[in-house]
N, C-alpha and C. Protein backbone atom coordinates (compact mmCIF):
# COMPACT_ATOMS: atom_id res chain seq x y z
N MET A 1 -24.19 -13.94 3.80
CA MET A 1 -22.86 -14.31 4.30
C MET A 1 -22.29 -15.41 3.50
N ALA A 2 -21.00 -15.39 3.22
CA ALA A 2 -20.31 -16.42 2.43
C ALA A 2 -20.33 -17.73 3.19
N LYS A 3 -20.34 -18.79 2.44
CA LYS A 3 -20.22 -20.15 3.06
C LYS A 3 -18.84 -20.34 3.60
N ILE A 4 -18.81 -20.89 4.83
CA ILE A 4 -17.52 -21.18 5.52
C ILE A 4 -17.10 -22.62 5.21
N THR A 5 -15.88 -22.83 4.82
CA THR A 5 -15.33 -24.16 4.59
C THR A 5 -14.23 -24.39 5.66
N ARG A 6 -14.35 -25.49 6.33
CA ARG A 6 -13.31 -25.83 7.32
C ARG A 6 -12.27 -26.69 6.65
N PHE A 7 -11.02 -26.41 6.95
CA PHE A 7 -9.94 -27.27 6.53
C PHE A 7 -8.84 -27.30 7.60
N SER A 8 -7.97 -28.28 7.54
CA SER A 8 -6.98 -28.44 8.55
C SER A 8 -5.61 -28.06 7.93
N VAL A 9 -4.74 -27.63 8.81
CA VAL A 9 -3.41 -27.25 8.39
C VAL A 9 -2.43 -27.91 9.35
N SER A 10 -1.42 -28.53 8.87
CA SER A 10 -0.38 -29.14 9.67
C SER A 10 0.80 -28.25 9.73
N ALA A 11 1.36 -28.10 10.89
CA ALA A 11 2.57 -27.22 11.06
C ALA A 11 3.37 -27.76 12.20
N GLU A 12 4.71 -27.52 12.16
CA GLU A 12 5.61 -27.85 13.24
C GLU A 12 5.17 -27.05 14.47
N ALA A 13 5.35 -27.69 15.65
CA ALA A 13 4.96 -27.02 16.90
C ALA A 13 5.65 -25.69 17.14
N GLU A 14 6.91 -25.62 16.85
CA GLU A 14 7.73 -24.38 17.03
C GLU A 14 7.16 -23.29 16.12
N LEU A 15 6.88 -23.60 14.88
CA LEU A 15 6.32 -22.61 13.92
C LEU A 15 4.96 -22.10 14.39
N LEU A 16 4.14 -23.00 14.81
CA LEU A 16 2.81 -22.60 15.30
C LEU A 16 2.92 -21.76 16.62
N GLU A 17 3.90 -22.11 17.47
CA GLU A 17 4.09 -21.31 18.70
C GLU A 17 4.53 -19.86 18.35
N LYS A 18 5.38 -19.74 17.40
CA LYS A 18 5.81 -18.38 16.96
C LYS A 18 4.65 -17.63 16.35
N PHE A 19 3.84 -18.31 15.55
CA PHE A 19 2.69 -17.70 14.89
C PHE A 19 1.68 -17.24 15.91
N ASP A 20 1.43 -18.10 16.95
CA ASP A 20 0.48 -17.75 17.99
C ASP A 20 0.96 -16.54 18.76
N GLY A 21 2.29 -16.41 18.99
CA GLY A 21 2.84 -15.24 19.65
C GLY A 21 2.64 -14.00 18.88
N ILE A 22 2.82 -14.04 17.59
CA ILE A 22 2.57 -12.90 16.73
C ILE A 22 1.16 -12.50 16.68
N ILE A 23 0.26 -13.47 16.47
CA ILE A 23 -1.14 -13.08 16.35
C ILE A 23 -1.73 -12.62 17.71
N GLY A 24 -1.13 -13.12 18.77
CA GLY A 24 -1.55 -12.69 20.11
C GLY A 24 -1.25 -11.20 20.33
N LYS A 25 -0.04 -10.78 19.88
CA LYS A 25 0.33 -9.38 20.03
C LYS A 25 -0.48 -8.47 19.11
N MET A 26 -0.98 -9.07 18.04
CA MET A 26 -1.81 -8.25 17.11
C MET A 26 -3.23 -8.27 17.51
N ASP A 27 -3.61 -9.01 18.55
CA ASP A 27 -4.89 -9.03 19.12
C ASP A 27 -5.96 -9.76 18.25
N TYR A 28 -5.45 -10.71 17.42
CA TYR A 28 -6.42 -11.58 16.70
C TYR A 28 -7.12 -12.42 17.74
N LYS A 29 -8.39 -12.69 17.45
CA LYS A 29 -9.22 -13.55 18.37
C LYS A 29 -9.06 -14.99 18.04
N SER A 30 -8.58 -15.35 16.88
CA SER A 30 -8.41 -16.71 16.47
C SER A 30 -7.38 -16.89 15.42
N ARG A 31 -6.82 -18.09 15.36
CA ARG A 31 -5.93 -18.43 14.25
C ARG A 31 -6.60 -18.31 12.96
N SER A 32 -7.86 -18.68 12.88
CA SER A 32 -8.62 -18.65 11.58
C SER A 32 -8.61 -17.25 11.00
N GLU A 33 -8.86 -16.25 11.79
CA GLU A 33 -8.92 -14.92 11.26
C GLU A 33 -7.52 -14.44 10.74
N ALA A 34 -6.47 -14.86 11.50
CA ALA A 34 -5.12 -14.49 11.10
C ALA A 34 -4.82 -15.19 9.80
N ILE A 35 -5.20 -16.44 9.65
CA ILE A 35 -4.93 -17.16 8.37
C ILE A 35 -5.73 -16.59 7.25
N ARG A 36 -6.95 -16.19 7.48
CA ARG A 36 -7.78 -15.54 6.45
C ARG A 36 -7.07 -14.25 5.95
N ASP A 37 -6.49 -13.46 6.88
CA ASP A 37 -5.79 -12.26 6.50
C ASP A 37 -4.58 -12.56 5.72
N LEU A 38 -3.83 -13.62 6.06
CA LEU A 38 -2.64 -14.01 5.26
C LEU A 38 -3.05 -14.42 3.86
N ILE A 39 -4.16 -15.13 3.70
CA ILE A 39 -4.67 -15.51 2.36
C ILE A 39 -5.02 -14.26 1.60
N ARG A 40 -5.74 -13.31 2.20
CA ARG A 40 -6.13 -12.07 1.52
C ARG A 40 -4.89 -11.31 1.09
N GLU A 41 -3.89 -11.25 1.95
CA GLU A 41 -2.66 -10.56 1.60
C GLU A 41 -2.04 -11.19 0.36
N ARG A 42 -2.03 -12.45 0.24
CA ARG A 42 -1.42 -13.15 -0.91
C ARG A 42 -2.27 -12.86 -2.18
N LEU A 43 -3.59 -12.82 -2.03
CA LEU A 43 -4.51 -12.52 -3.13
C LEU A 43 -4.24 -11.11 -3.65
N VAL A 44 -4.09 -10.16 -2.78
CA VAL A 44 -3.75 -8.78 -3.19
C VAL A 44 -2.42 -8.73 -3.88
N SER A 45 -1.44 -9.43 -3.39
CA SER A 45 -0.14 -9.50 -3.99
C SER A 45 -0.20 -10.03 -5.42
N GLU A 46 -1.02 -11.03 -5.60
CA GLU A 46 -1.21 -11.61 -6.94
C GLU A 46 -1.95 -10.68 -7.86
N GLU A 47 -2.91 -9.84 -7.39
CA GLU A 47 -3.54 -8.87 -8.12
C GLU A 47 -2.55 -7.90 -8.77
N TRP A 48 -1.56 -7.48 -7.96
CA TRP A 48 -0.57 -6.53 -8.43
C TRP A 48 0.31 -7.03 -9.49
N LYS A 49 0.37 -8.34 -9.64
CA LYS A 49 1.21 -8.98 -10.69
C LYS A 49 0.49 -8.91 -12.07
N GLU A 50 -0.86 -8.72 -12.02
CA GLU A 50 -1.66 -8.59 -13.22
C GLU A 50 -1.64 -7.15 -13.61
N GLU A 51 -0.81 -6.75 -14.59
CA GLU A 51 -0.56 -5.37 -14.92
C GLU A 51 -1.85 -4.64 -15.34
N GLU A 52 -2.82 -5.28 -15.87
CA GLU A 52 -4.01 -4.62 -16.34
C GLU A 52 -5.12 -4.61 -15.30
N LYS A 53 -4.91 -5.19 -14.17
CA LYS A 53 -5.92 -5.25 -13.08
C LYS A 53 -5.99 -3.87 -12.40
N GLU A 54 -7.26 -3.45 -12.15
CA GLU A 54 -7.43 -2.20 -11.39
C GLU A 54 -7.15 -2.41 -9.93
N THR A 55 -6.20 -1.64 -9.37
CA THR A 55 -5.76 -1.74 -8.00
C THR A 55 -5.81 -0.33 -7.39
N VAL A 56 -5.40 -0.26 -6.16
CA VAL A 56 -5.31 0.97 -5.39
C VAL A 56 -3.98 1.03 -4.73
N GLY A 57 -3.36 2.20 -4.73
CA GLY A 57 -2.10 2.44 -4.10
C GLY A 57 -2.14 3.67 -3.23
N ILE A 58 -1.37 3.64 -2.16
CA ILE A 58 -1.24 4.79 -1.29
C ILE A 58 0.26 5.12 -1.25
N LEU A 59 0.61 6.27 -1.73
CA LEU A 59 2.00 6.65 -1.82
C LEU A 59 2.27 7.77 -0.85
N GLY A 60 3.30 7.58 -0.01
CA GLY A 60 3.72 8.59 0.93
C GLY A 60 5.06 9.13 0.50
N LEU A 61 5.18 10.42 0.54
CA LEU A 61 6.51 11.09 0.18
C LEU A 61 6.88 12.08 1.26
N VAL A 62 8.10 12.05 1.75
CA VAL A 62 8.57 12.97 2.71
C VAL A 62 9.66 13.85 2.01
N TYR A 63 9.54 15.16 2.10
CA TYR A 63 10.49 16.02 1.48
C TYR A 63 10.55 17.33 2.17
N GLY A 64 11.66 18.04 1.96
CA GLY A 64 11.87 19.35 2.53
C GLY A 64 11.14 20.40 1.64
N HIS A 65 10.24 21.16 2.21
CA HIS A 65 9.48 22.09 1.41
C HIS A 65 10.29 23.31 0.97
N GLU A 66 11.48 23.50 1.54
CA GLU A 66 12.31 24.66 1.23
C GLU A 66 13.19 24.41 0.01
N ILE A 67 13.21 23.21 -0.51
CA ILE A 67 13.98 22.91 -1.72
C ILE A 67 13.35 23.61 -2.92
N ARG A 68 14.11 24.40 -3.59
CA ARG A 68 13.61 25.26 -4.69
C ARG A 68 13.00 24.34 -5.79
N GLU A 69 11.82 24.65 -6.14
CA GLU A 69 11.08 24.06 -7.22
C GLU A 69 10.64 22.58 -7.01
N LEU A 70 10.93 22.03 -5.87
CA LEU A 70 10.55 20.62 -5.68
C LEU A 70 9.02 20.43 -5.68
N THR A 71 8.34 21.28 -4.86
CA THR A 71 6.88 21.22 -4.79
C THR A 71 6.24 21.35 -6.18
N GLU A 72 6.78 22.26 -6.98
CA GLU A 72 6.23 22.45 -8.34
C GLU A 72 6.49 21.23 -9.18
N THR A 73 7.65 20.59 -9.04
CA THR A 73 7.92 19.39 -9.83
C THR A 73 7.03 18.28 -9.45
N LEU A 74 6.80 18.09 -8.15
CA LEU A 74 5.93 17.01 -7.71
C LEU A 74 4.45 17.25 -8.15
N ASN A 75 4.02 18.51 -8.13
CA ASN A 75 2.65 18.89 -8.64
C ASN A 75 2.53 18.64 -10.09
N ARG A 76 3.58 19.02 -10.84
CA ARG A 76 3.58 18.82 -12.35
C ARG A 76 3.44 17.35 -12.70
N ILE A 77 4.16 16.53 -11.99
CA ILE A 77 4.09 15.11 -12.24
C ILE A 77 2.68 14.59 -11.91
N GLN A 78 2.14 14.98 -10.79
CA GLN A 78 0.75 14.55 -10.38
C GLN A 78 -0.27 15.00 -11.37
N HIS A 79 -0.15 16.16 -11.95
CA HIS A 79 -1.12 16.68 -12.90
C HIS A 79 -1.07 15.87 -14.21
N GLN A 80 0.03 15.27 -14.53
CA GLN A 80 0.09 14.44 -15.70
C GLN A 80 -0.78 13.18 -15.60
N TYR A 81 -1.04 12.78 -14.38
CA TYR A 81 -1.79 11.51 -14.10
C TYR A 81 -3.09 11.79 -13.42
N ILE A 82 -3.77 12.83 -13.75
CA ILE A 82 -4.97 13.27 -13.03
C ILE A 82 -6.07 12.20 -13.01
N GLU A 83 -6.10 11.31 -14.03
CA GLU A 83 -7.13 10.25 -14.02
C GLU A 83 -6.89 9.15 -13.00
N THR A 84 -5.57 8.99 -12.70
CA THR A 84 -5.19 7.89 -11.79
C THR A 84 -5.04 8.37 -10.34
N ILE A 85 -4.58 9.58 -10.16
CA ILE A 85 -4.40 10.15 -8.79
C ILE A 85 -5.81 10.70 -8.36
N ILE A 86 -6.41 10.01 -7.47
CA ILE A 86 -7.80 10.40 -7.07
C ILE A 86 -7.86 11.32 -5.89
N SER A 87 -6.73 11.41 -5.09
CA SER A 87 -6.76 12.29 -3.94
C SER A 87 -5.28 12.47 -3.42
N SER A 88 -5.10 13.58 -2.81
CA SER A 88 -3.77 13.78 -2.17
C SER A 88 -4.00 14.71 -0.96
N ALA A 89 -3.04 14.58 -0.04
CA ALA A 89 -3.05 15.45 1.13
C ALA A 89 -1.65 15.93 1.46
N HIS A 90 -1.51 17.16 1.79
CA HIS A 90 -0.22 17.72 2.09
C HIS A 90 -0.17 18.03 3.54
N ILE A 91 0.75 17.51 4.27
CA ILE A 91 0.88 17.68 5.72
C ILE A 91 2.19 18.30 6.09
N HIS A 92 2.19 19.35 6.89
CA HIS A 92 3.39 19.96 7.38
C HIS A 92 3.84 19.21 8.62
N LEU A 93 4.98 18.53 8.54
CA LEU A 93 5.51 17.74 9.63
C LEU A 93 6.20 18.59 10.70
N ASN A 94 6.98 19.55 10.18
CA ASN A 94 7.67 20.54 11.06
C ASN A 94 8.05 21.70 10.23
N HIS A 95 8.92 22.58 10.66
CA HIS A 95 9.26 23.77 9.93
C HIS A 95 10.00 23.48 8.58
N HIS A 96 10.52 22.26 8.46
CA HIS A 96 11.29 22.00 7.25
C HIS A 96 10.78 20.85 6.37
N ASN A 97 9.99 20.00 6.94
CA ASN A 97 9.56 18.80 6.18
C ASN A 97 8.08 18.73 6.02
N CYS A 98 7.72 18.10 4.86
CA CYS A 98 6.30 17.87 4.54
C CYS A 98 6.10 16.43 4.19
N LEU A 99 4.85 15.97 4.38
CA LEU A 99 4.47 14.62 3.98
C LEU A 99 3.34 14.80 2.95
N GLU A 100 3.56 14.20 1.79
CA GLU A 100 2.49 14.20 0.76
C GLU A 100 1.97 12.75 0.68
N VAL A 101 0.65 12.60 0.84
CA VAL A 101 0.00 11.26 0.78
C VAL A 101 -0.85 11.36 -0.45
N ILE A 102 -0.60 10.37 -1.34
CA ILE A 102 -1.33 10.39 -2.67
C ILE A 102 -2.04 9.07 -2.79
N ILE A 103 -3.30 9.07 -3.15
CA ILE A 103 -4.07 7.87 -3.37
C ILE A 103 -4.31 7.74 -4.86
N LEU A 104 -3.93 6.54 -5.35
CA LEU A 104 -4.02 6.23 -6.77
C LEU A 104 -4.93 5.06 -7.01
N LYS A 105 -5.71 5.11 -8.09
CA LYS A 105 -6.55 3.99 -8.50
C LYS A 105 -6.43 3.78 -9.99
N GLY A 106 -6.11 2.55 -10.35
CA GLY A 106 -5.97 2.32 -11.77
C GLY A 106 -5.14 1.00 -12.01
N LYS A 107 -4.68 0.79 -13.20
CA LYS A 107 -3.90 -0.36 -13.54
C LYS A 107 -2.61 -0.37 -12.69
N SER A 108 -2.24 -1.56 -12.18
CA SER A 108 -1.10 -1.72 -11.33
C SER A 108 0.19 -1.20 -12.01
N VAL A 109 0.37 -1.52 -13.27
CA VAL A 109 1.53 -1.06 -14.00
C VAL A 109 1.68 0.46 -14.06
N LEU A 110 0.54 1.13 -14.17
CA LEU A 110 0.59 2.60 -14.23
C LEU A 110 0.85 3.16 -12.82
N ILE A 111 0.24 2.59 -11.83
CA ILE A 111 0.48 3.07 -10.40
C ILE A 111 1.92 2.92 -10.05
N LYS A 112 2.51 1.79 -10.41
CA LYS A 112 4.00 1.63 -10.14
C LYS A 112 4.82 2.58 -10.83
N LYS A 113 4.46 2.91 -12.11
CA LYS A 113 5.20 3.90 -12.91
C LYS A 113 5.21 5.26 -12.30
N ILE A 114 3.94 5.69 -11.89
CA ILE A 114 3.78 7.00 -11.26
C ILE A 114 4.55 7.04 -9.95
N ALA A 115 4.43 5.99 -9.14
CA ALA A 115 5.15 5.97 -7.81
C ALA A 115 6.68 6.00 -8.07
N ASP A 116 7.15 5.27 -9.01
CA ASP A 116 8.61 5.30 -9.29
C ASP A 116 9.08 6.76 -9.72
N GLU A 117 8.26 7.37 -10.53
CA GLU A 117 8.62 8.71 -11.01
C GLU A 117 8.66 9.70 -9.83
N LEU A 118 7.64 9.64 -8.95
CA LEU A 118 7.67 10.53 -7.81
C LEU A 118 8.69 10.22 -6.76
N LEU A 119 8.90 8.90 -6.50
CA LEU A 119 9.89 8.53 -5.55
C LEU A 119 11.33 8.86 -5.94
N SER A 120 11.58 8.82 -7.26
CA SER A 120 12.96 9.08 -7.73
C SER A 120 13.18 10.54 -7.99
N THR A 121 12.25 11.42 -7.71
CA THR A 121 12.40 12.87 -7.91
C THR A 121 13.46 13.36 -6.94
N ARG A 122 14.41 14.07 -7.51
CA ARG A 122 15.57 14.59 -6.70
C ARG A 122 15.02 15.38 -5.49
N ASN A 123 15.61 15.10 -4.33
CA ASN A 123 15.35 15.80 -3.05
C ASN A 123 14.09 15.24 -2.34
N VAL A 124 13.45 14.14 -2.86
CA VAL A 124 12.50 13.47 -2.03
C VAL A 124 13.31 12.65 -1.02
N LYS A 125 13.07 12.83 0.25
CA LYS A 125 13.87 12.21 1.27
C LYS A 125 13.54 10.78 1.47
N HIS A 126 12.20 10.45 1.45
CA HIS A 126 11.79 9.08 1.65
C HIS A 126 10.39 8.92 1.08
N GLY A 127 10.14 7.70 0.69
CA GLY A 127 8.76 7.44 0.24
C GLY A 127 8.46 5.92 0.24
N LYS A 128 7.20 5.62 0.12
CA LYS A 128 6.85 4.21 0.06
C LYS A 128 5.46 4.10 -0.57
N LEU A 129 5.31 3.05 -1.44
CA LEU A 129 4.06 2.75 -2.05
C LEU A 129 3.49 1.55 -1.30
N ILE A 130 2.22 1.73 -0.83
CA ILE A 130 1.49 0.66 -0.23
C ILE A 130 0.52 0.19 -1.29
N MET A 131 0.65 -1.08 -1.66
CA MET A 131 -0.19 -1.67 -2.69
C MET A 131 -1.33 -2.42 -2.10
N THR A 132 -2.52 -2.01 -2.40
CA THR A 132 -3.75 -2.64 -1.86
C THR A 132 -4.73 -2.94 -2.96
N THR A 133 -5.97 -3.11 -2.60
CA THR A 133 -6.95 -3.62 -3.55
C THR A 133 -8.19 -2.73 -3.58
N THR A 134 -9.04 -2.89 -4.58
CA THR A 134 -10.31 -2.22 -4.65
C THR A 134 -11.31 -3.02 -3.77
N GLY A 135 -10.94 -4.19 -3.42
CA GLY A 135 -11.81 -5.04 -2.60
C GLY A 135 -12.63 -6.05 -3.40
N SER A 136 -12.70 -5.83 -4.70
CA SER A 136 -13.43 -6.71 -5.57
C SER A 136 -12.78 -8.14 -5.57
N GLY A 137 -13.59 -9.08 -5.24
CA GLY A 137 -13.10 -10.53 -5.24
C GLY A 137 -12.30 -10.91 -4.00
N ILE A 138 -12.19 -10.04 -3.02
CA ILE A 138 -11.47 -10.36 -1.79
C ILE A 138 -12.55 -10.45 -0.72
N ASP A 139 -12.98 -11.63 -0.33
CA ASP A 139 -14.04 -11.76 0.69
C ASP A 139 -13.47 -11.97 2.02
């Protein structure tokens, strides 16, 4: 187990009250765990700024499956990046719409490029890239 270091944080009462309200709704057991998660979030954000750092991304795309050639276009783009796209799932949301979930692992700059290319594909209704970490160095 990693060594725990105690430190104190000063904050205005109103700010702390709002923070306690948020972490209470999220079912945190302590301020310490909530603050650790905030620190980890910042560390992951900094990882993504290092273009050569290996990271992980989860890309979700919503689109109408009835649009001519859209599925083929999305598949063609994905096949160009077969070393970076490590998994995908296709979900039928209803009779007209599909959700494609794509998991990417590689350099942050390349993941962003792939996500931008897929997100900007004509007739993709909505999409979002979730940027996360391989977990290395985040304790």
